[in-house]
């Protein structure tokens, strides 16, 4: 009886470990694919953000508050 229980628990544990390892690998592959897609989206957003845009003058209220030390 105890030998059968030990064998069953060993088989159950080995099966659980194998399923967990394969499941984590599949989850990692799936998350890497979605992460790589989001990285590509971030690159496109950054590229758009750092493109040269014409500068506009600061509002008058902001210019008036600047400190001028004569430098």
PDB file of N, CA and C in Angstrom:
ATOM      1  N   UNK A   1       0.819  -1.190   0.000  1.00  0.00           N
ATOM      2  CA  UNK A   1       0.000   0.000   0.000  1.00  0.00           C
ATOM      3  C   UNK A   1       0.862   1.253   0.000  1.00  0.00           C
ATOM      4  N   UNK A   2       1.819   1.325   0.904  1.00  0.00           N
ATOM      5  CA  UNK A   2       2.654   2.519   0.965  1.00  0.00           C
ATOM      6  C   UNK A   2       3.528   2.650  -0.272  1.00  0.00           C
ATOM      7  N   UNK A   3       3.972   1.528  -0.836  1.00  0.00           N
ATOM      8  CA  UNK A   3       4.805   1.595  -2.041  1.00  0.00           C
ATOM      9  C   UNK A   3       3.992   2.169  -3.203  1.00  0.00           C
ATOM     10  N   UNK A   4       2.753   1.747  -3.336  1.00  0.00           N
ATOM     11  CA  UNK A   4       1.897   2.261  -4.401  1.00  0.00           C
ATOM     12  C   UNK A   4       1.628   3.753  -4.215  1.00  0.00           C
ATOM     13  N   UNK A   5       1.450   4.167  -2.966  1.00  0.00           N
ATOM     14  CA  UNK A   5       1.216   5.579  -2.680  1.00  0.00           C
ATOM     15  C   UNK A   5       2.453   6.404  -3.016  1.00  0.00           C
ATOM     16  N   UNK A   6       3.621   5.921  -2.656  1.00  0.00           N
ATOM     17  CA  UNK A   6       4.862   6.632  -2.949  1.00  0.00           C
ATOM     18  C   UNK A   6       5.069   6.732  -4.456  1.00  0.00           C
ATOM     19  N   UNK A   7       4.814   5.655  -5.179  1.00  0.00           N
ATOM     20  CA  UNK A   7       4.960   5.678  -6.639  1.00  0.00           C
ATOM     21  C   UNK A   7       3.965   6.666  -7.246  1.00  0.00           C
ATOM     22  N   UNK A   8       2.723   6.636  -6.766  1.00  0.00           N
ATOM     23  CA  UNK A   8       1.720   7.556  -7.286  1.00  0.00           C
ATOM     24  C   UNK A   8       2.117   9.010  -7.021  1.00  0.00           C
ATOM     25  N   UNK A   9       2.565   9.294  -5.811  1.00  0.00           N
ATOM     26  CA  UNK A   9       2.956  10.670  -5.495  1.00  0.00           C
ATOM     27  C   UNK A   9       4.166  11.111  -6.310  1.00  0.00           C
ATOM     28  N   UNK A  10       5.108  10.220  -6.542  1.00  0.00           N
ATOM     29  CA  UNK A  10       6.265  10.564  -7.370  1.00  0.00           C
ATOM     30  C   UNK A  10       5.847  10.859  -8.804  1.00  0.00           C
ATOM     31  N   UNK A  11       4.979  10.021  -9.346  1.00  0.00           N
ATOM     32  CA  UNK A  11       4.506  10.244 -10.715  1.00  0.00           C
ATOM     33  C   UNK A  11       3.718  11.554 -10.785  1.00  0.00           C
ATOM     34  N   UNK A  12       2.874  11.792  -9.791  1.00  0.00           N
ATOM     35  CA  UNK A  12       2.103  13.033  -9.755  1.00  0.00           C
ATOM     36  C   UNK A  12       3.023  14.242  -9.679  1.00  0.00           C
ATOM     37  N   UNK A  13       4.043  14.186  -8.823  1.00  0.00           N
ATOM     38  CA  UNK A  13       4.969  15.306  -8.661  1.00  0.00           C
ATOM     39  C   UNK A  13       5.755  15.544  -9.939  1.00  0.00           C
ATOM     40  N   UNK A  14       6.269  14.494 -10.559  1.00  0.00           N
ATOM     41  CA  UNK A  14       7.036  14.650 -11.803  1.00  0.00           C
ATOM     42  C   UNK A  14       6.141  15.219 -12.897  1.00  0.00           C
ATOM     43  N   UNK A  15       4.909  14.735 -12.995  1.00  0.00           N
ATOM     44  CA  UNK A  15       3.974  15.281 -13.984  1.00  0.00           C
ATOM     45  C   UNK A  15       3.670  16.742 -13.734  1.00  0.00           C
ATOM     46  N   UNK A  16       3.466  17.093 -12.466  1.00  0.00           N
ATOM     47  CA  UNK A  16       3.199  18.488 -12.124  1.00  0.00           C
ATOM     48  C   UNK A  16       4.372  19.378 -12.506  1.00  0.00           C
ATOM     49  N   UNK A  17       5.586  18.940 -12.213  1.00  0.00           N
ATOM     50  CA  UNK A  17       6.775  19.729 -12.542  1.00  0.00           C
ATOM     51  C   UNK A  17       6.893  19.891 -14.056  1.00  0.00           C
ATOM     52  N   UNK A  18       6.673  18.823 -14.812  1.00  0.00           N
ATOM     53  CA  UNK A  18       6.766  18.923 -16.269  1.00  0.00           C
ATOM     54  C   UNK A  18       5.705  19.861 -16.836  1.00  0.00           C
ATOM     55  N   UNK A  19       4.488  19.754 -16.343  1.00  0.00           N
ATOM     56  CA  UNK A  19       3.422  20.638 -16.828  1.00  0.00           C
ATOM     57  C   UNK A  19       3.727  22.087 -16.455  1.00  0.00           C
ATOM     58  N   UNK A  20       4.242  22.303 -15.263  1.00  0.00           N
ATOM     59  CA  UNK A  20       4.568  23.663 -14.838  1.00  0.00           C
ATOM     60  C   UNK A  20       5.688  24.253 -15.697  1.00  0.00           C
ATOM     61  N   UNK A  21       6.715  23.466 -15.989  1.00  0.00           N
ATOM     62  CA  UNK A  21       7.833  23.965 -16.796  1.00  0.00           C
ATOM     63  C   UNK A  21       7.362  24.292 -18.207  1.00  0.00           C
ATOM     64  N   UNK A  22       6.629  23.380 -18.817  1.00  0.00           N
ATOM     65  CA  UNK A  22       6.145  23.628 -20.186  1.00  0.00           C
ATOM     66  C   UNK A  22       5.178  24.810 -20.196  1.00  0.00           C
ATOM     67  N   UNK A  23       4.324  24.902 -19.201  1.00  0.00           N
ATOM     68  CA  UNK A  23       3.394  26.021 -19.129  1.00  0.00           C
ATOM     69  C   UNK A  23       4.108  27.352 -18.979  1.00  0.00           C
ATOM     70  N   UNK A  24       5.125  27.412 -18.135  1.00  0.00           N
ATOM     71  CA  UNK A  24       5.880  28.655 -17.970  1.00  0.00           C
ATOM     72  C   UNK A  24       6.622  29.029 -19.244  1.00  0.00           C
ATOM     73  N   UNK A  25       7.142  28.033 -19.951  1.00  0.00           N
ATOM     74  CA  UNK A  25       7.820  28.329 -21.212  1.00  0.00           C
ATOM     75  C   UNK A  25       6.840  28.886 -22.239  1.00  0.00           C
ATOM     76  N   UNK A  26       5.668  28.274 -22.352  1.00  0.00           N
ATOM     77  CA  UNK A  26       4.675  28.774 -23.297  1.00  0.00           C
ATOM     78  C   UNK A  26       4.200  30.171 -22.919  1.00  0.00           C
ATOM     79  N   UNK A  27       4.021  30.403 -21.614  1.00  0.00           N
ATOM     80  CA  UNK A  27       3.612  31.731 -21.154  1.00  0.00           C
ATOM     81  C   UNK A  27       4.695  32.766 -21.463  1.00  0.00           C
ATOM     82  N   UNK A  28       5.967  32.385 -21.298  1.00  0.00           N
ATOM     83  CA  UNK A  28       7.067  33.292 -21.621  1.00  0.00           C
ATOM     84  C   UNK A  28       7.124  33.619 -23.097  1.00  0.00           C
ATOM     85  N   UNK A  29       6.895  32.622 -23.937  1.00  0.00           N
ATOM     86  CA  UNK A  29       6.892  32.864 -25.379  1.00  0.00           C
ATOM     87  C   UNK A  29       5.755  33.810 -25.748  1.00  0.00           C
ATOM     88  N   UNK A  30       4.586  33.572 -25.209  1.00  0.00           N
ATOM     89  CA  UNK A  30       3.431  34.422 -25.521  1.00  0.00           C
ATOM     90  C   UNK A  30       3.645  35.842 -25.022  1.00  0.00           C
ATOM     91  N   UNK A  31       4.186  36.006 -23.819  1.00  0.00           N
ATOM     92  CA  UNK A  31       4.380  37.355 -23.287  1.00  0.00           C
ATOM     93  C   UNK A  31       5.503  38.077 -24.018  1.00  0.00           C
ATOM     94  N   UNK A  32       6.520  37.353 -24.493  1.00  0.00           N
ATOM     95  CA  UNK A  32       7.577  37.991 -25.270  1.00  0.00           C
ATOM     96  C   UNK A  32       7.036  38.528 -26.581  1.00  0.00           C
ATOM     97  N   UNK A  33       6.136  37.785 -27.188  1.00  0.00           N
ATOM     98  CA  UNK A  33       5.577  38.246 -28.456  1.00  0.00           C
ATOM     99  C   UNK A  33       4.761  39.508 -28.253  1.00  0.00           C
ATOM    100  N   UNK A  34       3.959  39.553 -27.208  1.00  0.00           N
ATOM    101  CA  UNK A  34       3.169  40.757 -26.974  1.00  0.00           C
ATOM    102  C   UNK A  34       4.072  41.893 -26.505  1.00  0.00           C
ATOM    103  N   UNK A  35       5.141  41.556 -25.767  1.00  0.00           N
ATOM    104  CA  UNK A  35       6.047  42.597 -25.315  1.00  0.00           C
ATOM    105  C   UNK A  35       6.801  43.190 -26.508  1.00  0.00           C
ATOM    106  N   UNK A  36       7.200  42.343 -27.453  1.00  0.00           N
ATOM    107  CA  UNK A  36       7.925  42.856 -28.602  1.00  0.00           C
ATOM    108  C   UNK A  36       7.020  43.753 -29.437  1.00  0.00           C
ATOM    109  N   UNK A  37       5.744  43.434 -29.514  1.00  0.00           N
ATOM    110  CA  UNK A  37       4.817  44.293 -30.240  1.00  0.00           C
ATOM    111  C   UNK A  37       4.694  45.638 -29.533  1.00  0.00           C
ATOM    112  N   UNK A  38       4.632  45.617 -28.213  1.00  0.00           N
ATOM    113  CA  UNK A  38       4.520  46.881 -27.489  1.00  0.00           C
ATOM    114  C   UNK A  38       5.813  47.677 -27.580  1.00  0.00           C
ATOM    115  N   UNK A  39       6.966  46.992 -27.650  1.00  0.00           N
ATOM    116  CA  UNK A  39       8.233  47.705 -27.815  1.00  0.00           C
ATOM    117  C   UNK A  39       8.253  48.408 -29.164  1.00  0.00           C
ATOM    118  N   UNK A  40       7.759  47.740 -30.208  1.00  0.00           N
ATOM    119  CA  UNK A  40       7.694  48.375 -31.522  1.00  0.00           C
ATOM    120  C   UNK A  40       6.770  49.587 -31.482  1.00  0.00           C
ATOM    121  N   UNK A  41       5.655  49.483 -30.759  1.00  0.00           N
ATOM    122  CA  UNK A  41       4.758  50.625 -30.625  1.00  0.00           C
ATOM    123  C   UNK A  41       5.437  51.769 -29.880  1.00  0.00           C
ATOM    124  N   UNK A  42       6.199  51.432 -28.837  1.00  0.00           N
ATOM    125  CA  UNK A  42       6.896  52.468 -28.075  1.00  0.00           C
ATOM    126  C   UNK A  42       7.938  53.157 -28.942  1.00  0.00           C
ATOM    127  N   UNK A  43       8.644  52.389 -29.765  1.00  0.00           N
ATOM    128  CA  UNK A  43       9.642  52.994 -30.651  1.00  0.00           C
ATOM    129  C   UNK A  43       8.987  53.962 -31.620  1.00  0.00           C
ATOM    130  N   UNK A  44       7.852  53.576 -32.173  1.00  0.00           N
ATOM    131  CA  UNK A  44       7.151  54.467 -33.101  1.00  0.00           C
ATOM    132  C   UNK A  44       6.688  55.731 -32.384  1.00  0.00           C
ATOM    133  N   UNK A  45       6.188  55.577 -31.156  1.00  0.00           N
ATOM    134  CA  UNK A  45       5.754  56.750 -30.404  1.00  0.00           C
ATOM    135  C   UNK A  45       6.921  57.667 -30.065  1.00  0.00           C
ATOM    136  N   UNK A  46       8.054  57.067 -29.666  1.00  0.00           N
ATOM    137  CA  UNK A  46       9.225  57.884 -29.346  1.00  0.00           C
ATOM    138  C   UNK A  46       9.751  58.597 -30.584  1.00  0.00           C
ATOM    139  N   UNK A  47       9.770  57.891 -31.701  1.00  0.00           N
ATOM    140  CA  UNK A  47      10.242  58.505 -32.939  1.00  0.00           C
ATOM    141  C   UNK A  47       9.367  59.697 -33.294  1.00  0.00           C
ATOM    142  N   UNK A  48       8.058  59.552 -33.138  1.00  0.00           N
ATOM    143  CA  UNK A  48       7.146  60.657 -33.430  1.00  0.00           C
ATOM    144  C   UNK A  48       7.324  61.797 -32.424  1.00  0.00           C
ATOM    145  N   UNK A  49       7.611  61.455 -31.184  1.00  0.00           N
ATOM    146  CA  UNK A  49       7.749  62.492 -30.148  1.00  0.00           C
ATOM    147  C   UNK A  49       9.012  63.319 -30.330  1.00  0.00           C
ATOM    148  N   UNK A  50      10.076  62.706 -30.844  1.00  0.00           N
ATOM    149  CA  UNK A  50      11.345  63.417 -30.955  1.00  0.00           C
ATOM    150  C   UNK A  50      11.581  64.023 -32.331  1.00  0.00           C
ATOM    151  N   UNK A  51      10.578  63.989 -33.195  1.00  0.00           N
ATOM    152  CA  UNK A  51      10.734  64.661 -34.480  1.00  0.00           C
ATOM    153  C   UNK A  51      10.738  66.159 -34.251  1.00  0.00           C
ATOM    154  N   UNK A  52      11.457  66.863 -35.116  1.00  0.00           N
ATOM    155  CA  UNK A  52      11.559  68.320 -34.972  1.00  0.00           C
ATOM    156  C   UNK A  52      10.205  68.969 -35.232  1.00  0.00           C
ATOM    157  N   UNK A  53       9.825  69.831 -34.332  1.00  0.00           N
ATOM    158  CA  UNK A  53       8.602  70.604 -34.498  1.00  0.00           C
ATOM    159  C   UNK A  53       8.965  72.073 -34.427  1.00  0.00           C
ATOM    160  N   UNK A  54       8.256  72.909 -35.139  1.00  0.00           N
ATOM    161  CA  UNK A  54       8.565  74.342 -35.031  1.00  0.00           C
ATOM    162  C   UNK A  54       8.267  74.842 -33.623  1.00  0.00           C
ATOM    163  N   UNK A  55       9.186  75.607 -33.101  1.00  0.00           N
ATOM    164  CA  UNK A  55       9.019  76.149 -31.749  1.00  0.00           C
ATOM    165  C   UNK A  55       8.129  77.375 -31.775  1.00  0.00           C
ATOM    166  N   UNK A  56       7.294  77.491 -30.788  1.00  0.00           N
ATOM    167  CA  UNK A  56       6.460  78.683 -30.665  1.00  0.00           C
ATOM    168  C   UNK A  56       6.989  79.500 -29.489  1.00  0.00           C
ATOM    169  N   UNK A  57       6.760  80.769 -29.545  1.00  0.00           N
ATOM    170  CA  UNK A  57       7.226  81.659 -28.478  1.00  0.00           C
ATOM    171  C   UNK A  57       6.445  81.376 -27.201  1.00  0.00           C
ATOM    172  N   UNK A  58       7.116  81.573 -26.085  1.00  0.00           N
ATOM    173  CA  UNK A  58       6.451  81.374 -24.795  1.00  0.00           C
ATOM    174  C   UNK A  58       5.402  82.453 -24.596  1.00  0.00           C
ATOM    175  N   UNK A  59       4.361  82.163 -23.862  1.00  0.00           N
ATOM    176  CA  UNK A  59       3.350  83.188 -23.583  1.00  0.00           C
ATOM    177  C   UNK A  59       3.971  84.368 -22.829  1.00  0.00           C
ATOM    178  N   UNK A  60       3.346  85.505 -22.948  1.00  0.00           N
ATOM    179  CA  UNK A  60       3.887  86.722 -22.337  1.00  0.00           C
ATOM    180  C   UNK A  60       4.017  86.571 -20.826  1.00  0.00           C
ATOM    181  N   UNK A  61       3.086  85.904 -20.196  1.00  0.00           N
ATOM    182  CA  UNK A  61       3.143  85.745 -18.741  1.00  0.00           C
ATOM    183  C   UNK A  61       4.372  84.937 -18.343  1.00  0.00           C
ATOM    184  N   UNK A  62       4.735  83.970 -19.136  1.00  0.00           N
ATOM    185  CA  UNK A  62       5.915  83.163 -18.811  1.00  0.00           C
ATOM    186  C   UNK A  62       7.194  83.948 -19.041  1.00  0.00           C
ATOM    187  N   UNK A  63       7.224  84.763 -20.062  1.00  0.00           N
ATOM    188  CA  UNK A  63       8.422  85.572 -20.341  1.00  0.00           C
ATOM    189  C   UNK A  63       8.637  86.609 -19.258  1.00  0.00           C
ATOM    190  N   UNK A  64       7.565  87.161 -18.719  1.00  0.00           N
ATOM    191  CA  UNK A  64       7.690  88.233 -17.731  1.00  0.00           C
ATOM    192  C   UNK A  64       8.240  87.717 -16.413  1.00  0.00           C
ATOM    193  N   UNK A  65       8.038  86.453 -16.101  1.00  0.00           N
ATOM    194  CA  UNK A  65       8.494  85.914 -14.822  1.00  0.00           C
ATOM    195  C   UNK A  65       9.966  85.528 -14.834  1.00  0.00           C
ATOM    196  N   UNK A  66      10.594  85.515 -15.993  1.00  0.00           N
ATOM    197  CA  UNK A  66      11.995  85.085 -16.070  1.00  0.00           C
ATOM    198  C   UNK A  66      12.880  86.096 -15.350  1.00  0.00           C
ATOM    199  N   UNK A  67      13.886  85.588 -14.628  1.00  0.00           N
ATOM    200  CA  UNK A  67      14.818  86.461 -13.917  1.00  0.00           C
ATOM    201  C   UNK A  67      15.930  86.866 -14.863  1.00  0.00           C
ATOM    202  N   UNK A  68      16.260  88.130 -14.860  1.00  0.00           N
ATOM    203  CA  UNK A  68      17.325  88.632 -15.732  1.00  0.00           C
ATOM    204  C   UNK A  68      18.438  89.166 -14.846  1.00  0.00           C
ATOM    205  N   UNK A  69      19.554  88.488 -14.881  1.00  0.00           N
ATOM    206  CA  UNK A  69      20.694  88.922 -14.069  1.00  0.00           C
ATOM    207  C   UNK A  69      21.716  89.670 -14.912  1.00  0.00           C
ATOM    208  N   UNK A  70      21.369  90.004 -16.124  1.00  0.00           N
ATOM    209  CA  UNK A  70      22.273  90.756 -16.984  1.00  0.00           C
ATOM    210  C   UNK A  70      23.410  89.912 -17.536  1.00  0.00           C
ATOM    211  N   UNK A  71      23.261  88.615 -17.520  1.00  0.00           N
ATOM    212  CA  UNK A  71      24.344  87.760 -18.015  1.00  0.00           C
ATOM    213  C   UNK A  71      24.213  87.564 -19.506  1.00  0.00           C
TER     214      UNK A  71
END
